[in-house]
């Protein structure tokens, strides 16, 4: 339990920040799953469209500190490779 004003404020900020980061992380995971689903369906057009929509979401995650820069690059690279293989 917080005993100082600053500690109470930090608790409030942490709750807000955690909710925001969780939403961002979920958005990134959903974007990746949509690309993987499109790849699994075997439709190259929809897979390319999903990948094109997912790339800015992953880059946004990097900018906001949800993902590491290299992790996002690796995920985009691997998804691109799988889409091109269709």
N, C-alpha and C. Protein backbone atom coordinates (compact mmCIF):
# COMPACT_ATOMS: atom_id res chain seq x y z
N UNK A 1 0.84 -1.18 0.00
CA UNK A 1 0.00 0.00 0.00
C UNK A 1 0.88 1.24 0.00
N UNK A 2 0.49 2.22 -0.80
CA UNK A 2 1.28 3.44 -0.93
C UNK A 2 1.13 4.33 0.31
N UNK A 3 2.25 4.89 0.75
CA UNK A 3 2.24 5.75 1.94
C UNK A 3 2.56 7.20 1.59
N UNK A 4 2.87 7.49 0.33
CA UNK A 4 3.21 8.84 -0.08
C UNK A 4 2.34 9.24 -1.26
N UNK A 5 2.17 10.56 -1.41
CA UNK A 5 1.38 11.08 -2.53
C UNK A 5 1.95 10.60 -3.86
N UNK A 6 3.27 10.66 -3.99
CA UNK A 6 3.91 10.30 -5.25
C UNK A 6 3.72 8.81 -5.55
N UNK A 7 3.74 7.99 -4.51
CA UNK A 7 3.56 6.55 -4.70
C UNK A 7 2.12 6.24 -5.11
N UNK A 8 1.17 6.99 -4.55
CA UNK A 8 -0.24 6.81 -4.94
C UNK A 8 -0.44 7.20 -6.40
N UNK A 9 0.22 8.29 -6.79
CA UNK A 9 0.11 8.73 -8.19
C UNK A 9 0.73 7.70 -9.12
N UNK A 10 1.87 7.17 -8.73
CA UNK A 10 2.54 6.16 -9.56
C UNK A 10 1.64 4.93 -9.73
N UNK A 11 0.92 4.56 -8.68
CA UNK A 11 -0.01 3.42 -8.78
C UNK A 11 -1.11 3.71 -9.80
N UNK A 12 -1.66 4.92 -9.75
CA UNK A 12 -2.70 5.29 -10.71
C UNK A 12 -2.16 5.29 -12.14
N UNK A 13 -0.96 5.84 -12.31
CA UNK A 13 -0.36 5.89 -13.63
C UNK A 13 -0.06 4.48 -14.16
N UNK A 14 0.40 3.61 -13.29
CA UNK A 14 0.74 2.25 -13.69
C UNK A 14 -0.49 1.50 -14.18
N UNK A 15 -1.62 1.70 -13.51
CA UNK A 15 -2.86 1.03 -13.92
C UNK A 15 -3.25 1.49 -15.33
N UNK A 16 -3.21 2.80 -15.58
CA UNK A 16 -3.56 3.34 -16.90
C UNK A 16 -2.60 2.84 -17.96
N UNK A 17 -1.30 2.93 -17.66
CA UNK A 17 -0.26 2.56 -18.61
C UNK A 17 -0.36 1.07 -18.97
N UNK A 18 -0.64 0.24 -17.96
CA UNK A 18 -0.75 -1.21 -18.18
C UNK A 18 -1.91 -1.50 -19.13
N UNK A 19 -3.03 -0.83 -18.93
CA UNK A 19 -4.20 -1.03 -19.80
C UNK A 19 -3.89 -0.61 -21.23
N UNK A 20 -3.20 0.51 -21.39
CA UNK A 20 -2.85 1.00 -22.73
C UNK A 20 -1.89 0.04 -23.41
N UNK A 21 -0.86 -0.40 -22.69
CA UNK A 21 0.13 -1.31 -23.27
C UNK A 21 -0.49 -2.65 -23.61
N UNK A 22 -1.40 -3.12 -22.79
CA UNK A 22 -2.08 -4.39 -23.04
C UNK A 22 -2.91 -4.30 -24.32
N UNK A 23 -3.58 -3.16 -24.51
CA UNK A 23 -4.38 -2.95 -25.72
C UNK A 23 -3.48 -2.91 -26.96
N UNK A 24 -2.36 -2.24 -26.85
CA UNK A 24 -1.42 -2.16 -27.98
C UNK A 24 -0.86 -3.52 -28.32
N UNK A 25 -0.50 -4.28 -27.30
CA UNK A 25 0.04 -5.62 -27.50
C UNK A 25 -0.99 -6.51 -28.16
N UNK A 26 -2.24 -6.39 -27.73
CA UNK A 26 -3.33 -7.17 -28.30
C UNK A 26 -3.54 -6.80 -29.76
N UNK A 27 -3.46 -5.51 -30.07
CA UNK A 27 -3.63 -5.04 -31.45
C UNK A 27 -2.55 -5.65 -32.36
N UNK A 28 -1.32 -5.70 -31.87
CA UNK A 28 -0.21 -6.27 -32.64
C UNK A 28 -0.45 -7.76 -32.88
N UNK A 29 -0.82 -8.48 -31.82
CA UNK A 29 -1.06 -9.92 -31.95
C UNK A 29 -2.22 -10.22 -32.91
N UNK A 30 -3.27 -9.41 -32.84
CA UNK A 30 -4.42 -9.59 -33.72
C UNK A 30 -4.02 -9.38 -35.18
N UNK A 31 -3.19 -8.38 -35.43
CA UNK A 31 -2.73 -8.10 -36.79
C UNK A 31 -1.93 -9.28 -37.34
N UNK A 32 -1.07 -9.84 -36.51
CA UNK A 32 -0.26 -10.99 -36.92
C UNK A 32 -1.16 -12.19 -37.21
N UNK A 33 -2.14 -12.42 -36.33
CA UNK A 33 -3.05 -13.56 -36.51
C UNK A 33 -3.89 -13.40 -37.78
N UNK A 34 -4.26 -12.17 -38.11
CA UNK A 34 -5.06 -11.97 -39.33
C UNK A 34 -4.24 -12.31 -40.57
N UNK A 35 -2.95 -11.98 -40.56
CA UNK A 35 -2.08 -12.34 -41.68
C UNK A 35 -1.91 -13.85 -41.75
N UNK A 36 -1.69 -14.48 -40.61
CA UNK A 36 -1.52 -15.93 -40.60
C UNK A 36 -2.78 -16.65 -41.05
N UNK A 37 -3.94 -16.12 -40.68
CA UNK A 37 -5.20 -16.70 -41.12
C UNK A 37 -5.38 -16.59 -42.62
N UNK A 38 -4.99 -15.44 -43.17
CA UNK A 38 -5.08 -15.24 -44.61
C UNK A 38 -4.12 -16.16 -45.35
N UNK A 39 -2.95 -16.39 -44.77
CA UNK A 39 -1.99 -17.31 -45.37
C UNK A 39 -2.54 -18.73 -45.35
N UNK A 40 -3.15 -19.09 -44.23
CA UNK A 40 -3.72 -20.44 -44.10
C UNK A 40 -4.86 -20.67 -45.08
N UNK A 41 -5.61 -19.61 -45.41
CA UNK A 41 -6.72 -19.76 -46.36
C UNK A 41 -6.21 -19.98 -47.77
N UNK A 42 -4.97 -19.58 -48.02
CA UNK A 42 -4.36 -19.81 -49.33
C UNK A 42 -4.64 -18.74 -50.36
N UNK A 43 -5.31 -17.66 -49.96
CA UNK A 43 -5.63 -16.57 -50.89
C UNK A 43 -4.53 -15.51 -50.81
N UNK A 44 -3.76 -15.42 -51.89
CA UNK A 44 -2.62 -14.51 -51.88
C UNK A 44 -3.03 -13.05 -51.78
N UNK A 45 -4.13 -12.66 -52.46
CA UNK A 45 -4.57 -11.26 -52.43
C UNK A 45 -4.93 -10.81 -51.02
N UNK A 46 -5.72 -11.64 -50.33
CA UNK A 46 -6.13 -11.26 -48.97
C UNK A 46 -4.94 -11.30 -48.01
N UNK A 47 -4.01 -12.22 -48.25
CA UNK A 47 -2.81 -12.30 -47.40
C UNK A 47 -1.95 -11.06 -47.58
N UNK A 48 -1.80 -10.60 -48.83
CA UNK A 48 -1.02 -9.38 -49.08
C UNK A 48 -1.68 -8.17 -48.46
N UNK A 49 -3.00 -8.11 -48.55
CA UNK A 49 -3.73 -6.98 -47.96
C UNK A 49 -3.60 -6.97 -46.44
N UNK A 50 -3.70 -8.15 -45.84
CA UNK A 50 -3.57 -8.26 -44.38
C UNK A 50 -2.16 -7.89 -43.94
N UNK A 51 -1.16 -8.31 -44.71
CA UNK A 51 0.23 -7.97 -44.39
C UNK A 51 0.46 -6.48 -44.50
N UNK A 52 -0.11 -5.87 -45.54
CA UNK A 52 0.04 -4.44 -45.73
C UNK A 52 -0.60 -3.66 -44.59
N UNK A 53 -1.70 -4.19 -44.05
CA UNK A 53 -2.37 -3.54 -42.91
C UNK A 53 -1.63 -3.79 -41.61
N UNK A 54 -0.95 -4.94 -41.50
CA UNK A 54 -0.28 -5.30 -40.25
C UNK A 54 1.05 -4.58 -40.06
N UNK A 55 1.73 -4.26 -41.15
CA UNK A 55 3.06 -3.65 -41.04
C UNK A 55 3.05 -2.33 -40.24
N UNK A 56 2.15 -1.38 -40.53
CA UNK A 56 2.17 -0.16 -39.73
C UNK A 56 1.80 -0.38 -38.26
N UNK A 57 0.98 -1.39 -38.01
CA UNK A 57 0.61 -1.69 -36.63
C UNK A 57 1.82 -2.19 -35.86
N UNK A 58 2.62 -3.06 -36.48
CA UNK A 58 3.83 -3.56 -35.84
C UNK A 58 4.83 -2.43 -35.63
N UNK A 59 4.99 -1.56 -36.63
CA UNK A 59 5.92 -0.44 -36.49
C UNK A 59 5.46 0.53 -35.41
N UNK A 60 4.15 0.68 -35.28
CA UNK A 60 3.60 1.52 -34.22
C UNK A 60 3.93 0.93 -32.86
N UNK A 61 3.86 -0.40 -32.77
CA UNK A 61 4.22 -1.09 -31.53
C UNK A 61 5.67 -0.84 -31.16
N UNK A 62 6.53 -0.76 -32.16
CA UNK A 62 7.95 -0.46 -31.91
C UNK A 62 8.08 0.95 -31.36
N UNK A 63 7.40 1.89 -32.00
CA UNK A 63 7.49 3.28 -31.58
C UNK A 63 6.98 3.51 -30.17
N UNK A 64 5.99 2.73 -29.77
CA UNK A 64 5.39 2.90 -28.45
C UNK A 64 6.06 2.05 -27.38
N UNK A 65 7.06 1.25 -27.78
CA UNK A 65 7.81 0.46 -26.81
C UNK A 65 7.18 -0.87 -26.45
N UNK A 66 6.20 -1.32 -27.24
CA UNK A 66 5.57 -2.61 -26.97
C UNK A 66 6.42 -3.74 -27.54
N UNK A 67 7.04 -3.49 -28.69
CA UNK A 67 7.89 -4.48 -29.35
C UNK A 67 9.29 -3.91 -29.53
N UNK A 68 10.27 -4.80 -29.52
CA UNK A 68 11.63 -4.39 -29.87
C UNK A 68 11.70 -4.25 -31.39
N UNK A 69 12.54 -3.34 -31.83
CA UNK A 69 12.69 -3.05 -33.26
C UNK A 69 13.04 -4.29 -34.07
N UNK A 70 13.96 -5.09 -33.58
CA UNK A 70 14.38 -6.29 -34.31
C UNK A 70 13.29 -7.36 -34.31
N UNK A 71 12.52 -7.44 -33.25
CA UNK A 71 11.42 -8.41 -33.18
C UNK A 71 10.39 -8.11 -34.25
N UNK A 72 10.03 -6.84 -34.38
CA UNK A 72 9.05 -6.44 -35.39
C UNK A 72 9.60 -6.71 -36.79
N UNK A 73 10.86 -6.39 -37.00
CA UNK A 73 11.47 -6.61 -38.31
C UNK A 73 11.47 -8.10 -38.65
N UNK A 74 11.79 -8.92 -37.67
CA UNK A 74 11.82 -10.38 -37.88
C UNK A 74 10.43 -10.91 -38.22
N UNK A 75 9.42 -10.46 -37.48
CA UNK A 75 8.05 -10.92 -37.72
C UNK A 75 7.57 -10.50 -39.11
N UNK A 76 7.82 -9.24 -39.48
CA UNK A 76 7.41 -8.76 -40.80
C UNK A 76 8.12 -9.54 -41.89
N UNK A 77 9.40 -9.78 -41.70
CA UNK A 77 10.20 -10.50 -42.69
C UNK A 77 9.66 -11.92 -42.90
N UNK A 78 9.39 -12.61 -41.81
CA UNK A 78 8.92 -13.99 -41.91
C UNK A 78 7.52 -14.07 -42.52
N UNK A 79 6.66 -13.13 -42.15
CA UNK A 79 5.31 -13.11 -42.73
C UNK A 79 5.37 -12.81 -44.22
N UNK A 80 6.23 -11.86 -44.61
CA UNK A 80 6.39 -11.50 -46.02
C UNK A 80 6.86 -12.69 -46.82
N UNK A 81 7.82 -13.42 -46.26
CA UNK A 81 8.36 -14.61 -46.92
C UNK A 81 7.26 -15.65 -47.15
N UNK A 82 6.41 -15.83 -46.13
CA UNK A 82 5.33 -16.82 -46.24
C UNK A 82 4.27 -16.37 -47.24
N UNK A 83 4.00 -15.06 -47.31
CA UNK A 83 3.00 -14.56 -48.27
C UNK A 83 3.52 -14.73 -49.69
N UNK A 84 4.80 -14.43 -49.91
CA UNK A 84 5.37 -14.56 -51.24
C UNK A 84 5.43 -16.01 -51.70
N UNK A 85 5.51 -16.93 -50.75
CA UNK A 85 5.57 -18.35 -51.09
C UNK A 85 4.23 -18.90 -51.56
N UNK A 86 3.14 -18.15 -51.33
CA UNK A 86 1.81 -18.63 -51.75
C UNK A 86 1.69 -18.74 -53.25
